[in-house]
Amino acid sequence: MTMSIRSIRYNPSTAAYEGRVDVIRGGQTFRYPCSVPGPLNMPMTDVRKSMQRSAARMSDSPPELFSRR
């Protein structure tokens, strides 16, 4: 499993960083919107690690919860 984080931005109205994490597993890409609460001066390494943990939890959902096209 590999992860790629895209478009991290800070939302001052919710005091959280928001972004999209792409999880690549078994040749398929799954996209997860992630939000990490924290101050504007939170270290970016902490933001990225929190987003990756959040996406990993969502990605580990049982297959019957997946959406298919």
Protein backbone atom coordinates (compact mmCIF):
# COMPACT_ATOMS: atom_id res chain seq x y z
CA MET A 1 0.00 0.00 0.00
CA THR A 2 1.33 3.43 -0.94
CA MET A 3 -0.12 6.85 -0.16
CA SER A 4 0.01 10.23 -1.82
CA ILE A 5 -1.29 13.42 -0.19
CA ARG A 6 -2.73 16.16 -2.39
CA SER A 7 -3.96 19.73 -1.87
CA ILE A 8 -3.34 20.35 1.82
CA ARG A 9 -4.92 23.61 2.95
CA TYR A 10 -5.82 25.18 6.28
CA ASN A 11 -9.46 25.98 7.04
CA PRO A 12 -9.53 28.70 9.71
CA SER A 13 -13.28 28.36 10.30
CA THR A 14 -12.80 24.77 11.52
CA ALA A 15 -9.20 25.18 12.74
CA ALA A 16 -8.19 22.13 10.73
CA TYR A 17 -6.01 21.11 7.81
CA GLU A 18 -7.89 19.49 4.93
CA GLY A 19 -6.64 17.46 2.03
CA ARG A 20 -7.05 14.41 -0.16
CA VAL A 21 -5.11 11.21 0.38
CA ASP A 22 -4.80 8.70 -2.46
CA VAL A 23 -4.25 5.14 -1.26
CA ILE A 24 -2.94 2.75 -3.91
CA ARG A 25 -3.60 -0.87 -3.06
CA GLY A 26 -3.64 -3.85 -5.39
CA GLY A 27 -3.36 -1.64 -8.47
CA GLN A 28 -6.43 0.41 -7.52
CA THR A 29 -6.50 3.99 -6.25
CA PHE A 30 -8.88 4.93 -3.45
CA ARG A 31 -9.33 8.62 -2.57
CA TYR A 32 -10.15 9.82 0.91
CA PRO A 33 -10.89 13.36 2.11
CA CYS A 34 -9.09 13.94 5.40
CA SER A 35 -9.32 16.64 8.04
CA VAL A 36 -6.78 17.12 10.83
CA PRO A 37 -7.62 19.53 13.66
CA GLY A 38 -4.74 21.70 14.77
CA PRO A 39 -3.29 25.19 14.95
CA LEU A 40 -2.06 27.07 11.90
CA ASN A 41 1.56 26.60 13.04
CA MET A 42 1.29 22.81 13.39
CA PRO A 43 4.36 21.13 11.84
CA MET A 44 3.55 19.89 8.33
CA THR A 45 5.15 16.50 9.10
CA ASP A 46 2.57 16.03 11.88
CA VAL A 47 -0.26 17.04 9.54
CA ARG A 48 0.88 14.54 6.89
CA LYS A 49 1.28 11.69 9.39
CA SER A 50 -2.19 12.34 10.83
CA MET A 51 -3.74 12.41 7.35
CA GLN A 52 -2.02 9.14 6.43
CA ARG A 53 -3.26 7.45 9.63
CA SER A 54 -6.79 8.68 8.97
CA ALA A 55 -6.76 7.45 5.35
CA ALA A 56 -5.31 4.08 6.41
CA ARG A 57 -8.18 3.62 8.89
CA MET A 58 -10.74 4.45 6.21
CA SER A 59 -8.98 2.22 3.68
CA ASP A 60 -9.12 -0.75 6.02
CA SER A 61 -12.93 -0.78 5.89
CA PRO A 62 -14.53 -4.12 5.05
CA PRO A 63 -14.98 -4.67 1.26
CA GLU A 64 -18.78 -4.69 1.53
CA LEU A 65 -18.61 -0.97 2.37
CA PHE A 66 -16.75 -0.06 -0.84
CA SER A 67 -18.43 1.85 -3.63
CA ARG A 68 -18.03 0.35 -7.12
CA ARG A 69 -18.69 1.87 -10.52
